[in-house]
PDB file of N, CA and C in Angstrom:
ATOM      1  N   UNK A   1     -24.991  -0.608 -16.944  1.00  0.00           N
ATOM      2  CA  UNK A   1     -24.819  -1.940 -17.469  1.00  0.00           C
ATOM      3  C   UNK A   1     -24.903  -2.941 -16.316  1.00  0.00           C
ATOM      4  N   UNK A   2     -25.546  -4.054 -16.559  1.00  0.00           N
ATOM      5  CA  UNK A   2     -25.602  -5.145 -15.594  1.00  0.00           C
ATOM      6  C   UNK A   2     -24.535  -6.165 -15.975  1.00  0.00           C
ATOM      7  N   UNK A   3     -23.662  -6.499 -15.020  1.00  0.00           N
ATOM      8  CA  UNK A   3     -22.579  -7.446 -15.236  1.00  0.00           C
ATOM      9  C   UNK A   3     -22.932  -8.770 -14.577  1.00  0.00           C
ATOM     10  N   UNK A   4     -22.941  -9.849 -15.368  1.00  0.00           N
ATOM     11  CA  UNK A   4     -23.170 -11.187 -14.832  1.00  0.00           C
ATOM     12  C   UNK A   4     -21.859 -11.953 -14.953  1.00  0.00           C
ATOM     13  N   UNK A   5     -21.335 -12.397 -13.817  1.00  0.00           N
ATOM     14  CA  UNK A   5     -20.090 -13.148 -13.760  1.00  0.00           C
ATOM     15  C   UNK A   5     -20.408 -14.603 -13.432  1.00  0.00           C
ATOM     16  N   UNK A   6     -19.931 -15.518 -14.280  1.00  0.00           N
ATOM     17  CA  UNK A   6     -20.170 -16.945 -14.065  1.00  0.00           C
ATOM     18  C   UNK A   6     -18.824 -17.659 -13.962  1.00  0.00           C
ATOM     19  N   UNK A   7     -18.571 -18.307 -12.822  1.00  0.00           N
ATOM     20  CA  UNK A   7     -17.417 -19.195 -12.738  1.00  0.00           C
ATOM     21  C   UNK A   7     -17.893 -20.582 -13.168  1.00  0.00           C
ATOM     22  N   UNK A   8     -16.994 -21.328 -13.816  1.00  0.00           N
ATOM     23  CA  UNK A   8     -17.383 -22.649 -14.296  1.00  0.00           C
ATOM     24  C   UNK A   8     -16.152 -23.517 -14.463  1.00  0.00           C
ATOM     25  N   UNK A   9     -16.373 -24.809 -14.601  1.00  0.00           N
ATOM     26  CA  UNK A   9     -15.316 -25.758 -14.910  1.00  0.00           C
ATOM     27  C   UNK A   9     -15.399 -26.186 -16.360  1.00  0.00           C
ATOM     28  N   UNK A  10     -14.300 -26.082 -17.072  1.00  0.00           N
ATOM     29  CA  UNK A  10     -14.289 -26.492 -18.476  1.00  0.00           C
ATOM     30  C   UNK A  10     -14.700 -27.949 -18.633  1.00  0.00           C
ATOM     31  N   UNK A  11     -14.413 -28.785 -17.621  1.00  0.00           N
ATOM     32  CA  UNK A  11     -14.778 -30.197 -17.738  1.00  0.00           C
ATOM     33  C   UNK A  11     -16.294 -30.399 -17.777  1.00  0.00           C
ATOM     34  N   UNK A  12     -17.057 -29.368 -17.394  1.00  0.00           N
ATOM     35  CA  UNK A  12     -18.516 -29.426 -17.438  1.00  0.00           C
ATOM     36  C   UNK A  12     -19.100 -28.615 -18.589  1.00  0.00           C
ATOM     37  N   UNK A  13     -18.246 -28.086 -19.446  1.00  0.00           N
ATOM     38  CA  UNK A  13     -18.704 -27.321 -20.601  1.00  0.00           C
ATOM     39  C   UNK A  13     -18.753 -25.828 -20.344  1.00  0.00           C
ATOM     40  N   UNK A  14     -18.674 -25.081 -21.416  1.00  0.00           N
ATOM     41  CA  UNK A  14     -18.706 -23.613 -21.361  1.00  0.00           C
ATOM     42  C   UNK A  14     -20.155 -23.145 -21.246  1.00  0.00           C
ATOM     43  N   UNK A  15     -20.426 -22.152 -20.388  1.00  0.00           N
ATOM     44  CA  UNK A  15     -21.798 -21.628 -20.287  1.00  0.00           C
ATOM     45  C   UNK A  15     -22.268 -21.070 -21.637  1.00  0.00           C
ATOM     46  N   UNK A  16     -23.427 -21.493 -22.072  1.00  0.00           N
ATOM     47  CA  UNK A  16     -23.938 -21.085 -23.375  1.00  0.00           C
ATOM     48  C   UNK A  16     -24.303 -19.610 -23.444  1.00  0.00           C
ATOM     49  N   UNK A  17     -24.600 -18.993 -22.292  1.00  0.00           N
ATOM     50  CA  UNK A  17     -25.005 -17.591 -22.304  1.00  0.00           C
ATOM     51  C   UNK A  17     -23.837 -16.623 -22.117  1.00  0.00           C
ATOM     52  N   UNK A  18     -22.608 -17.135 -22.045  1.00  0.00           N
ATOM     53  CA  UNK A  18     -21.440 -16.256 -21.866  1.00  0.00           C
ATOM     54  C   UNK A  18     -21.123 -15.524 -23.163  1.00  0.00           C
ATOM     55  N   UNK A  19     -21.000 -14.208 -23.080  1.00  0.00           N
ATOM     56  CA  UNK A  19     -20.610 -13.407 -24.241  1.00  0.00           C
ATOM     57  C   UNK A  19     -19.118 -13.548 -24.507  1.00  0.00           C
ATOM     58  N   UNK A  20     -18.345 -13.655 -23.426  1.00  0.00           N
ATOM     59  CA  UNK A  20     -16.887 -13.789 -23.489  1.00  0.00           C
ATOM     60  C   UNK A  20     -16.484 -14.801 -22.428  1.00  0.00           C
ATOM     61  N   UNK A  21     -15.433 -15.579 -22.716  1.00  0.00           N
ATOM     62  CA  UNK A  21     -14.922 -16.565 -21.762  1.00  0.00           C
ATOM     63  C   UNK A  21     -13.437 -16.300 -21.535  1.00  0.00           C
ATOM     64  N   UNK A  22     -13.042 -16.351 -20.273  1.00  0.00           N
ATOM     65  CA  UNK A  22     -11.634 -16.198 -19.887  1.00  0.00           C
ATOM     66  C   UNK A  22     -11.184 -17.499 -19.224  1.00  0.00           C
ATOM     67  N   UNK A  23     -10.016 -17.983 -19.607  1.00  0.00           N
ATOM     68  CA  UNK A  23      -9.492 -19.254 -19.124  1.00  0.00           C
ATOM     69  C   UNK A  23      -8.455 -19.009 -18.026  1.00  0.00           C
ATOM     70  N   UNK A  24      -8.718 -19.503 -16.819  1.00  0.00           N
ATOM     71  CA  UNK A  24      -7.811 -19.333 -15.671  1.00  0.00           C
ATOM     72  C   UNK A  24      -6.856 -20.499 -15.492  1.00  0.00           C
ATOM     73  N   UNK A  25      -6.858 -21.446 -16.397  1.00  0.00           N
ATOM     74  CA  UNK A  25      -6.024 -22.630 -16.218  1.00  0.00           C
ATOM     75  C   UNK A  25      -4.537 -22.340 -16.365  1.00  0.00           C
ATOM     76  N   UNK A  26      -4.161 -21.117 -16.702  1.00  0.00           N
ATOM     77  CA  UNK A  26      -2.746 -20.744 -16.733  1.00  0.00           C
ATOM     78  C   UNK A  26      -2.183 -20.579 -15.318  1.00  0.00           C
ATOM     79  N   UNK A  27      -3.057 -20.459 -14.329  1.00  0.00           N
ATOM     80  CA  UNK A  27      -2.636 -20.376 -12.927  1.00  0.00           C
ATOM     81  C   UNK A  27      -2.401 -21.784 -12.379  1.00  0.00           C
ATOM     82  N   UNK A  28      -1.470 -21.895 -11.422  1.00  0.00           N
ATOM     83  CA  UNK A  28      -1.296 -23.180 -10.737  1.00  0.00           C
ATOM     84  C   UNK A  28      -2.597 -23.530 -10.029  1.00  0.00           C
ATOM     85  N   UNK A  29      -2.913 -24.806  -9.984  1.00  0.00           N
ATOM     86  CA  UNK A  29      -4.197 -25.266  -9.457  1.00  0.00           C
ATOM     87  C   UNK A  29      -4.100 -25.541  -7.952  1.00  0.00           C
ATOM     88  N   UNK A  30      -4.904 -24.854  -7.134  1.00  0.00           N
ATOM     89  CA  UNK A  30      -4.899 -25.101  -5.683  1.00  0.00           C
ATOM     90  C   UNK A  30      -5.308 -26.509  -5.297  1.00  0.00           C
ATOM     91  N   UNK A  31      -5.914 -27.265  -6.200  1.00  0.00           N
ATOM     92  CA  UNK A  31      -6.329 -28.629  -5.875  1.00  0.00           C
ATOM     93  C   UNK A  31      -5.115 -29.504  -5.552  1.00  0.00           C
ATOM     94  N   UNK A  32      -3.943 -29.109  -6.018  1.00  0.00           N
ATOM     95  CA  UNK A  32      -2.720 -29.869  -5.756  1.00  0.00           C
ATOM     96  C   UNK A  32      -2.046 -29.481  -4.442  1.00  0.00           C
ATOM     97  N   UNK A  33      -2.599 -28.504  -3.756  1.00  0.00           N
ATOM     98  CA  UNK A  33      -2.100 -28.092  -2.440  1.00  0.00           C
ATOM     99  C   UNK A  33      -3.017 -28.728  -1.393  1.00  0.00           C
ATOM    100  N   UNK A  34      -2.508 -29.661  -0.589  1.00  0.00           N
ATOM    101  CA  UNK A  34      -3.371 -30.364   0.370  1.00  0.00           C
ATOM    102  C   UNK A  34      -4.152 -29.438   1.310  1.00  0.00           C
ATOM    103  N   UNK A  35      -3.578 -28.306   1.658  1.00  0.00           N
ATOM    104  CA  UNK A  35      -4.268 -27.375   2.563  1.00  0.00           C
ATOM    105  C   UNK A  35      -5.422 -26.650   1.882  1.00  0.00           C
ATOM    106  N   UNK A  36      -5.433 -26.619   0.548  1.00  0.00           N
ATOM    107  CA  UNK A  36      -6.450 -25.859  -0.190  1.00  0.00           C
ATOM    108  C   UNK A  36      -7.410 -26.740  -0.991  1.00  0.00           C
ATOM    109  N   UNK A  37      -7.064 -27.994  -1.140  1.00  0.00           N
ATOM    110  CA  UNK A  37      -7.840 -28.889  -2.004  1.00  0.00           C
ATOM    111  C   UNK A  37      -9.338 -28.868  -1.706  1.00  0.00           C
ATOM    112  N   UNK A  38      -9.707 -28.911  -0.449  1.00  0.00           N
ATOM    113  CA  UNK A  38     -11.122 -28.981  -0.079  1.00  0.00           C
ATOM    114  C   UNK A  38     -11.766 -27.613   0.135  1.00  0.00           C
ATOM    115  N   UNK A  39     -11.035 -26.557  -0.138  1.00  0.00           N
ATOM    116  CA  UNK A  39     -11.580 -25.199  -0.052  1.00  0.00           C
ATOM    117  C   UNK A  39     -12.029 -24.777  -1.449  1.00  0.00           C
ATOM    118  N   UNK A  40     -12.569 -23.572  -1.550  1.00  0.00           N
ATOM    119  CA  UNK A  40     -12.970 -23.032  -2.851  1.00  0.00           C
ATOM    120  C   UNK A  40     -12.416 -21.617  -2.989  1.00  0.00           C
ATOM    121  N   UNK A  41     -12.643 -21.031  -4.135  1.00  0.00           N
ATOM    122  CA  UNK A  41     -12.238 -19.650  -4.373  1.00  0.00           C
ATOM    123  C   UNK A  41     -13.015 -18.645  -3.545  1.00  0.00           C
ATOM    124  N   UNK A  42     -13.977 -19.112  -2.764  1.00  0.00           N
ATOM    125  CA  UNK A  42     -14.686 -18.242  -1.819  1.00  0.00           C
ATOM    126  C   UNK A  42     -13.902 -18.085  -0.519  1.00  0.00           C
ATOM    127  N   UNK A  43     -12.887 -18.924  -0.324  1.00  0.00           N
ATOM    128  CA  UNK A  43     -12.053 -18.855   0.871  1.00  0.00           C
ATOM    129  C   UNK A  43     -10.872 -17.926   0.626  1.00  0.00           C
ATOM    130  N   UNK A  44     -10.627 -17.032   1.546  1.00  0.00           N
ATOM    131  CA  UNK A  44      -9.550 -16.053   1.410  1.00  0.00           C
ATOM    132  C   UNK A  44      -8.182 -16.731   1.243  1.00  0.00           C
ATOM    133  N   UNK A  45      -7.993 -17.890   1.859  1.00  0.00           N
ATOM    134  CA  UNK A  45      -6.707 -18.591   1.734  1.00  0.00           C
ATOM    135  C   UNK A  45      -6.396 -18.940   0.277  1.00  0.00           C
ATOM    136  N   UNK A  46      -7.425 -19.285  -0.470  1.00  0.00           N
ATOM    137  CA  UNK A  46      -7.228 -19.625  -1.884  1.00  0.00           C
ATOM    138  C   UNK A  46      -6.861 -18.370  -2.673  1.00  0.00           C
ATOM    139  N   UNK A  47      -7.565 -17.289  -2.439  1.00  0.00           N
ATOM    140  CA  UNK A  47      -7.252 -16.026  -3.123  1.00  0.00           C
ATOM    141  C   UNK A  47      -5.841 -15.583  -2.774  1.00  0.00           C
ATOM    142  N   UNK A  48      -5.476 -15.654  -1.505  1.00  0.00           N
ATOM    143  CA  UNK A  48      -4.132 -15.255  -1.073  1.00  0.00           C
ATOM    144  C   UNK A  48      -3.059 -16.134  -1.713  1.00  0.00           C
ATOM    145  N   UNK A  49      -3.358 -17.403  -1.972  1.00  0.00           N
ATOM    146  CA  UNK A  49      -2.417 -18.316  -2.611  1.00  0.00           C
ATOM    147  C   UNK A  49      -2.277 -18.015  -4.110  1.00  0.00           C
ATOM    148  N   UNK A  50      -3.360 -17.582  -4.747  1.00  0.00           N
ATOM    149  CA  UNK A  50      -3.343 -17.293  -6.184  1.00  0.00           C
ATOM    150  C   UNK A  50      -2.691 -15.946  -6.512  1.00  0.00           C
ATOM    151  N   UNK A  51      -2.911 -14.943  -5.683  1.00  0.00           N
ATOM    152  CA  UNK A  51      -2.463 -13.575  -6.001  1.00  0.00           C
ATOM    153  C   UNK A  51      -0.975 -13.440  -6.302  1.00  0.00           C
ATOM    154  N   UNK A  52      -0.066 -14.124  -5.620  1.00  0.00           N
ATOM    155  CA  UNK A  52       1.362 -13.949  -5.940  1.00  0.00           C
ATOM    156  C   UNK A  52       1.808 -14.593  -7.256  1.00  0.00           C
ATOM    157  N   UNK A  53       0.966 -15.396  -7.861  1.00  0.00           N
ATOM    158  CA  UNK A  53       1.355 -16.041  -9.117  1.00  0.00           C
ATOM    159  C   UNK A  53       1.505 -14.989 -10.219  1.00  0.00           C
ATOM    160  N   UNK A  54       2.543 -15.100 -11.038  1.00  0.00           N
ATOM    161  CA  UNK A  54       2.807 -14.078 -12.064  1.00  0.00           C
ATOM    162  C   UNK A  54       1.646 -13.822 -13.025  1.00  0.00           C
ATOM    163  N   UNK A  55       0.844 -14.837 -13.316  1.00  0.00           N
ATOM    164  CA  UNK A  55      -0.259 -14.659 -14.267  1.00  0.00           C
ATOM    165  C   UNK A  55      -1.497 -14.016 -13.644  1.00  0.00           C
ATOM    166  N   UNK A  56      -1.598 -13.987 -12.313  1.00  0.00           N
ATOM    167  CA  UNK A  56      -2.784 -13.425 -11.657  1.00  0.00           C
ATOM    168  C   UNK A  56      -3.059 -11.989 -12.093  1.00  0.00           C
ATOM    169  N   UNK A  57      -2.080 -11.060 -11.976  1.00  0.00           N
ATOM    170  CA  UNK A  57      -2.395  -9.684 -12.377  1.00  0.00           C
ATOM    171  C   UNK A  57      -2.740  -9.549 -13.859  1.00  0.00           C
ATOM    172  N   UNK A  58      -2.164 -10.409 -14.694  1.00  0.00           N
ATOM    173  CA  UNK A  58      -2.491 -10.363 -16.126  1.00  0.00           C
ATOM    174  C   UNK A  58      -3.930 -10.800 -16.379  1.00  0.00           C
ATOM    175  N   UNK A  59      -4.383 -11.826 -15.653  1.00  0.00           N
ATOM    176  CA  UNK A  59      -5.775 -12.268 -15.801  1.00  0.00           C
ATOM    177  C   UNK A  59      -6.747 -11.209 -15.294  1.00  0.00           C
ATOM    178  N   UNK A  60      -6.427 -10.606 -14.157  1.00  0.00           N
ATOM    179  CA  UNK A  60      -7.287  -9.543 -13.624  1.00  0.00           C
ATOM    180  C   UNK A  60      -7.350  -8.395 -14.624  1.00  0.00           C
ATOM    181  N   UNK A  61      -6.201  -8.001 -15.170  1.00  0.00           N
ATOM    182  CA  UNK A  61      -6.173  -6.899 -16.147  1.00  0.00           C
ATOM    183  C   UNK A  61      -6.970  -7.256 -17.397  1.00  0.00           C
ATOM    184  N   UNK A  62      -6.826  -8.480 -17.883  1.00  0.00           N
ATOM    185  CA  UNK A  62      -7.581  -8.900 -19.071  1.00  0.00           C
ATOM    186  C   UNK A  62      -9.077  -8.833 -18.802  1.00  0.00           C
ATOM    187  N   UNK A  63      -9.495  -9.280 -17.629  1.00  0.00           N
ATOM    188  CA  UNK A  63     -10.919  -9.237 -17.277  1.00  0.00           C
ATOM    189  C   UNK A  63     -11.402  -7.799 -17.154  1.00  0.00           C
ATOM    190  N   UNK A  64     -10.641  -6.968 -16.465  1.00  0.00           N
ATOM    191  CA  UNK A  64     -11.026  -5.559 -16.279  1.00  0.00           C
ATOM    192  C   UNK A  64     -11.089  -4.840 -17.621  1.00  0.00           C
ATOM    193  N   UNK A  65     -10.092  -5.050 -18.458  1.00  0.00           N
ATOM    194  CA  UNK A  65     -10.096  -4.409 -19.782  1.00  0.00           C
ATOM    195  C   UNK A  65     -11.317  -4.840 -20.597  1.00  0.00           C
ATOM    196  N   UNK A  66     -11.660  -6.109 -20.524  1.00  0.00           N
ATOM    197  CA  UNK A  66     -12.820  -6.610 -21.264  1.00  0.00           C
ATOM    198  C   UNK A  66     -14.110  -5.994 -20.746  1.00  0.00           C
ATOM    199  N   UNK A  67     -14.269  -5.974 -19.435  1.00  0.00           N
ATOM    200  CA  UNK A  67     -15.485  -5.391 -18.837  1.00  0.00           C
ATOM    201  C   UNK A  67     -15.578  -3.908 -19.165  1.00  0.00           C
ATOM    202  N   UNK A  68     -14.475  -3.183 -19.022  1.00  0.00           N
ATOM    203  CA  UNK A  68     -14.493  -1.745 -19.300  1.00  0.00           C
ATOM    204  C   UNK A  68     -14.787  -1.456 -20.771  1.00  0.00           C
ATOM    205  N   UNK A  69     -14.257  -2.286 -21.662  1.00  0.00           N
ATOM    206  CA  UNK A  69     -14.548  -2.121 -23.086  1.00  0.00           C
ATOM    207  C   UNK A  69     -16.037  -2.312 -23.357  1.00  0.00           C
ATOM    208  N   UNK A  70     -16.573  -3.398 -22.817  1.00  0.00           N
ATOM    209  CA  UNK A  70     -17.986  -3.684 -23.050  1.00  0.00           C
ATOM    210  C   UNK A  70     -18.873  -2.592 -22.473  1.00  0.00           C
ATOM    211  N   UNK A  71     -18.467  -2.052 -21.337  1.00  0.00           N
ATOM    212  CA  UNK A  71     -19.265  -0.992 -20.716  1.00  0.00           C
ATOM    213  C   UNK A  71     -19.140   0.318 -21.479  1.00  0.00           C
ATOM    214  N   UNK A  72     -17.911   0.692 -21.834  1.00  0.00           N
ATOM    215  CA  UNK A  72     -17.664   2.001 -22.424  1.00  0.00           C
ATOM    216  C   UNK A  72     -17.958   2.108 -23.900  1.00  0.00           C
ATOM    217  N   UNK A  73     -17.411   1.226 -24.678  1.00  0.00           N
ATOM    218  CA  UNK A  73     -17.507   1.329 -26.130  1.00  0.00           C
ATOM    219  C   UNK A  73     -18.840   0.808 -26.637  1.00  0.00           C
ATOM    220  N   UNK A  74     -19.223  -0.367 -26.177  1.00  0.00           N
ATOM    221  CA  UNK A  74     -20.432  -0.973 -26.710  1.00  0.00           C
ATOM    222  C   UNK A  74     -21.690  -0.492 -26.011  1.00  0.00           C
ATOM    223  N   UNK A  75     -21.547  -0.037 -24.778  1.00  0.00           N
ATOM    224  CA  UNK A  75     -22.672   0.504 -24.012  1.00  0.00           C
ATOM    225  C   UNK A  75     -23.879  -0.438 -24.031  1.00  0.00           C
ATOM    226  N   UNK A  76     -23.625  -1.702 -23.769  1.00  0.00           N
ATOM    227  CA  UNK A  76     -24.699  -2.692 -23.758  1.00  0.00           C
ATOM    228  C   UNK A  76     -25.472  -2.634 -22.450  1.00  0.00           C
ATOM    229  N   UNK A  77     -26.685  -3.128 -22.481  1.00  0.00           N
ATOM    230  CA  UNK A  77     -27.511  -3.210 -21.277  1.00  0.00           C
ATOM    231  C   UNK A  77     -26.937  -4.208 -20.280  1.00  0.00           C
ATOM    232  N   UNK A  78     -26.444  -5.330 -20.785  1.00  0.00           N
ATOM    233  CA  UNK A  78     -25.925  -6.370 -19.915  1.00  0.00           C
ATOM    234  C   UNK A  78     -24.824  -7.146 -20.595  1.00  0.00           C
ATOM    235  N   UNK A  79     -24.026  -7.803 -19.783  1.00  0.00           N
ATOM    236  CA  UNK A  79     -22.868  -8.518 -20.283  1.00  0.00           C
ATOM    237  C   UNK A  79     -22.642  -9.736 -19.393  1.00  0.00           C
ATOM    238  N   UNK A  80     -22.543 -10.923 -19.990  1.00  0.00           N
ATOM    239  CA  UNK A  80     -22.296 -12.153 -19.255  1.00  0.00           C
ATOM    240  C   UNK A  80     -20.873 -12.612 -19.551  1.00  0.00           C
ATOM    241  N   UNK A  81     -20.078 -12.691 -18.493  1.00  0.00           N
ATOM    242  CA  UNK A  81     -18.659 -13.006 -18.587  1.00  0.00           C
ATOM    243  C   UNK A  81     -18.419 -14.348 -17.904  1.00  0.00           C
ATOM    244  N   UNK A  82     -18.036 -15.352 -18.685  1.00  0.00           N
ATOM    245  CA  UNK A  82     -17.715 -16.664 -18.141  1.00  0.00           C
ATOM    246  C   UNK A  82     -16.234 -16.759 -17.841  1.00  0.00           C
ATOM    247  N   UNK A  83     -15.904 -17.220 -16.640  1.00  0.00           N
ATOM    248  CA  UNK A  83     -14.514 -17.367 -16.233  1.00  0.00           C
ATOM    249  C   UNK A  83     -14.333 -18.814 -15.790  1.00  0.00           C
ATOM    250  N   UNK A  84     -13.458 -19.528 -16.501  1.00  0.00           N
ATOM    251  CA  UNK A  84     -13.355 -20.953 -16.275  1.00  0.00           C
ATOM    252  C   UNK A  84     -11.996 -21.426 -15.808  1.00  0.00           C
ATOM    253  N   UNK A  85     -12.023 -22.549 -15.124  1.00  0.00           N
ATOM    254  CA  UNK A  85     -10.830 -23.306 -14.769  1.00  0.00           C
ATOM    255  C   UNK A  85     -11.192 -24.771 -14.969  1.00  0.00           C
ATOM    256  N   UNK A  86     -10.418 -25.672 -14.459  1.00  0.00           N
ATOM    257  CA  UNK A  86     -10.667 -27.088 -14.741  1.00  0.00           C
ATOM    258  C   UNK A  86     -11.996 -27.565 -14.169  1.00  0.00           C
ATOM    259  N   UNK A  87     -12.165 -27.404 -12.850  1.00  0.00           N
ATOM    260  CA  UNK A  87     -13.365 -27.927 -12.202  1.00  0.00           C
ATOM    261  C   UNK A  87     -14.375 -26.888 -11.772  1.00  0.00           C
ATOM    262  N   UNK A  88     -13.977 -25.616 -11.758  1.00  0.00           N
ATOM    263  CA  UNK A  88     -14.896 -24.556 -11.343  1.00  0.00           C
ATOM    264  C   UNK A  88     -15.017 -24.412  -9.838  1.00  0.00           C
ATOM    265  N   UNK A  89     -13.961 -24.776  -9.108  1.00  0.00           N
ATOM    266  CA  UNK A  89     -13.998 -24.692  -7.646  1.00  0.00           C
ATOM    267  C   UNK A  89     -13.073 -23.627  -7.086  1.00  0.00           C
ATOM    268  N   UNK A  90     -11.909 -23.419  -7.698  1.00  0.00           N
ATOM    269  CA  UNK A  90     -10.877 -22.585  -7.084  1.00  0.00           C
ATOM    270  C   UNK A  90     -10.581 -21.313  -7.871  1.00  0.00           C
ATOM    271  N   UNK A  91      -9.833 -21.464  -8.963  1.00  0.00           N
ATOM    272  CA  UNK A  91      -9.295 -20.309  -9.690  1.00  0.00           C
ATOM    273  C   UNK A  91     -10.378 -19.418 -10.275  1.00  0.00           C
ATOM    274  N   UNK A  92     -11.323 -19.996 -10.988  1.00  0.00           N
ATOM    275  CA  UNK A  92     -12.378 -19.178 -11.602  1.00  0.00           C
ATOM    276  C   UNK A  92     -13.269 -18.541 -10.542  1.00  0.00           C
ATOM    277  N   UNK A  93     -13.555 -19.268  -9.479  1.00  0.00           N
ATOM    278  CA  UNK A  93     -14.386 -18.735  -8.391  1.00  0.00           C
ATOM    279  C   UNK A  93     -13.686 -17.550  -7.737  1.00  0.00           C
ATOM    280  N   UNK A  94     -12.393 -17.687  -7.482  1.00  0.00           N
ATOM    281  CA  UNK A  94     -11.630 -16.606  -6.858  1.00  0.00           C
ATOM    282  C   UNK A  94     -11.644 -15.356  -7.733  1.00  0.00           C
ATOM    283  N   UNK A  95     -11.399 -15.518  -9.029  1.00  0.00           N
ATOM    284  CA  UNK A  95     -11.366 -14.353  -9.918  1.00  0.00           C
ATOM    285  C   UNK A  95     -12.742 -13.709 -10.030  1.00  0.00           C
ATOM    286  N   UNK A  96     -13.783 -14.496 -10.120  1.00  0.00           N
ATOM    287  CA  UNK A  96     -15.143 -13.935 -10.161  1.00  0.00           C
ATOM    288  C   UNK A  96     -15.418 -13.140  -8.884  1.00  0.00           C
ATOM    289  N   UNK A  97     -15.036 -13.667  -7.740  1.00  0.00           N
ATOM    290  CA  UNK A  97     -15.285 -12.964  -6.480  1.00  0.00           C
ATOM    291  C   UNK A  97     -14.505 -11.655  -6.396  1.00  0.00           C
ATOM    292  N   UNK A  98     -13.261 -11.663  -6.860  1.00  0.00           N
ATOM    293  CA  UNK A  98     -12.457 -10.439  -6.859  1.00  0.00           C
ATOM    294  C   UNK A  98     -13.078  -9.399  -7.788  1.00  0.00           C
ATOM    295  N   UNK A  99     -13.500  -9.818  -8.976  1.00  0.00           N
ATOM    296  CA  UNK A  99     -14.126  -8.883  -9.913  1.00  0.00           C
ATOM    297  C   UNK A  99     -15.445  -8.345  -9.363  1.00  0.00           C
ATOM    298  N   UNK A 100     -16.198  -9.189  -8.706  1.00  0.00           N
ATOM    299  CA  UNK A 100     -17.458  -8.757  -8.103  1.00  0.00           C
ATOM    300  C   UNK A 100     -17.226  -7.673  -7.052  1.00  0.00           C
ATOM    301  N   UNK A 101     -16.200  -7.849  -6.245  1.00  0.00           N
ATOM    302  CA  UNK A 101     -15.864  -6.833  -5.238  1.00  0.00           C
ATOM    303  C   UNK A 101     -15.433  -5.531  -5.900  1.00  0.00           C
ATOM    304  N   UNK A 102     -14.713  -5.635  -7.019  1.00  0.00           N
ATOM    305  CA  UNK A 102     -14.238  -4.436  -7.720  1.00  0.00           C
ATOM    306  C   UNK A 102     -15.389  -3.661  -8.358  1.00  0.00           C
ATOM    307  N   UNK A 103     -16.306  -4.372  -9.009  1.00  0.00           N
ATOM    308  CA  UNK A 103     -17.352  -3.720  -9.787  1.00  0.00           C
ATOM    309  C   UNK A 103     -18.668  -3.525  -9.039  1.00  0.00           C
ATOM    310  N   UNK A 104     -18.893  -4.302  -7.999  1.00  0.00           N
ATOM    311  CA  UNK A 104     -20.141  -4.224  -7.246  1.00  0.00           C
ATOM    312  C   UNK A 104     -20.531  -2.823  -6.785  1.00  0.00           C
ATOM    313  N   UNK A 105     -19.577  -2.037  -6.298  1.00  0.00           N
ATOM    314  CA  UNK A 105     -19.946  -0.687  -5.869  1.00  0.00           C
ATOM    315  C   UNK A 105     -20.326   0.258  -7.013  1.00  0.00           C
ATOM    316  N   UNK A 106     -20.005  -0.118  -8.263  1.00  0.00           N
ATOM    317  CA  UNK A 106     -20.185   0.803  -9.399  1.00  0.00           C
ATOM    318  C   UNK A 106     -21.304   0.422 -10.360  1.00  0.00           C
ATOM    319  N   UNK A 107     -21.732  -0.838 -10.303  1.00  0.00           N
ATOM    320  CA  UNK A 107     -22.765  -1.285 -11.236  1.00  0.00           C
ATOM    321  C   UNK A 107     -23.442  -2.530 -10.666  1.00  0.00           C
ATOM    322  N   UNK A 108     -24.619  -2.864 -11.149  1.00  0.00           N
ATOM    323  CA  UNK A 108     -25.257  -4.108 -10.709  1.00  0.00           C
ATOM    324  C   UNK A 108     -24.442  -5.316 -11.178  1.00  0.00           C
ATOM    325  N   UNK A 109     -24.131  -6.212 -10.248  1.00  0.00           N
ATOM    326  CA  UNK A 109     -23.349  -7.405 -10.553  1.00  0.00           C
ATOM    327  C   UNK A 109     -24.083  -8.630 -10.007  1.00  0.00           C
ATOM    328  N   UNK A 110     -24.215  -9.646 -10.852  1.00  0.00           N
ATOM    329  CA  UNK A 110     -24.751 -10.936 -10.432  1.00  0.00           C
ATOM    330  C   UNK A 110     -23.629 -11.947 -10.529  1.00  0.00           C
ATOM    331  N   UNK A 111     -23.483 -12.772  -9.492  1.00  0.00           N
ATOM    332  CA  UNK A 111     -22.450 -13.797  -9.459  1.00  0.00           C
ATOM    333  C   UNK A 111     -23.111 -15.168  -9.432  1.00  0.00           C
ATOM    334  N   UNK A 112     -22.600 -16.051 -10.287  1.00  0.00           N
ATOM    335  CA  UNK A 112     -23.053 -17.445 -10.276  1.00  0.00           C
ATOM    336  C   UNK A 112     -21.821 -18.344 -10.325  1.00  0.00           C
ATOM    337  N   UNK A 113     -21.697 -19.192  -9.330  1.00  0.00           N
ATOM    338  CA  UNK A 113     -20.625 -20.187  -9.317  1.00  0.00           C
ATOM    339  C   UNK A 113     -21.260 -21.506  -9.749  1.00  0.00           C
ATOM    340  N   UNK A 114     -21.314 -21.705 -11.052  1.00  0.00           N
ATOM    341  CA  UNK A 114     -22.100 -22.794 -11.626  1.00  0.00           C
ATOM    342  C   UNK A 114     -21.695 -24.177 -11.134  1.00  0.00           C
ATOM    343  N   UNK A 115     -20.390 -24.426 -11.030  1.00  0.00           N
ATOM    344  CA  UNK A 115     -19.929 -25.787 -10.766  1.00  0.00           C
ATOM    345  C   UNK A 115     -19.293 -25.981  -9.395  1.00  0.00           C
ATOM    346  N   UNK A 116     -19.412 -25.014  -8.524  1.00  0.00           N
ATOM    347  CA  UNK A 116     -18.705 -25.064  -7.239  1.00  0.00           C
ATOM    348  C   UNK A 116     -19.085 -26.280  -6.398  1.00  0.00           C
ATOM    349  N   UNK A 117     -20.289 -26.779  -6.541  1.00  0.00           N
ATOM    350  CA  UNK A 117     -20.741 -27.927  -5.742  1.00  0.00           C
ATOM    351  C   UNK A 117     -20.639 -29.263  -6.476  1.00  0.00           C
ATOM    352  N   UNK A 118     -20.136 -29.242  -7.714  1.00  0.00           N
ATOM    353  CA  UNK A 118     -20.000 -30.489  -8.471  1.00  0.00           C
ATOM    354  C   UNK A 118     -18.683 -31.150  -8.137  1.00  0.00           C
ATOM    355  N   UNK A 119     -18.648 -32.457  -8.312  1.00  0.00           N
ATOM    356  CA  UNK A 119     -17.404 -33.227  -8.082  1.00  0.00           C
ATOM    357  C   UNK A 119     -16.422 -32.987  -9.190  1.00  0.00           C
TER     358      UNK A 119
END
């Protein structure tokens, strides 16, 4: 199965090609932390700041369970998973990158950070 992971900002709309969408806005937003505001989920500092939050492991588990279900039960050729936060710079990008690292060694994974460069 080919896994396509798209991070996005809800303020810019949901990706039309996403089969499933996961909302990361339950996590505290790094944009309110002055040290992280100008960074993205591609920076390790942002991931390290998100991981201790109580909802982080639940979001990772929800994403993993969804991917494993789509791979195992449905046995589809490809699956597009949209992961969103407010602006598409921090939380969704971080989760997409973590999932890419988890699944990359086991299956083809494409990553797109749709809104990372938008204001």
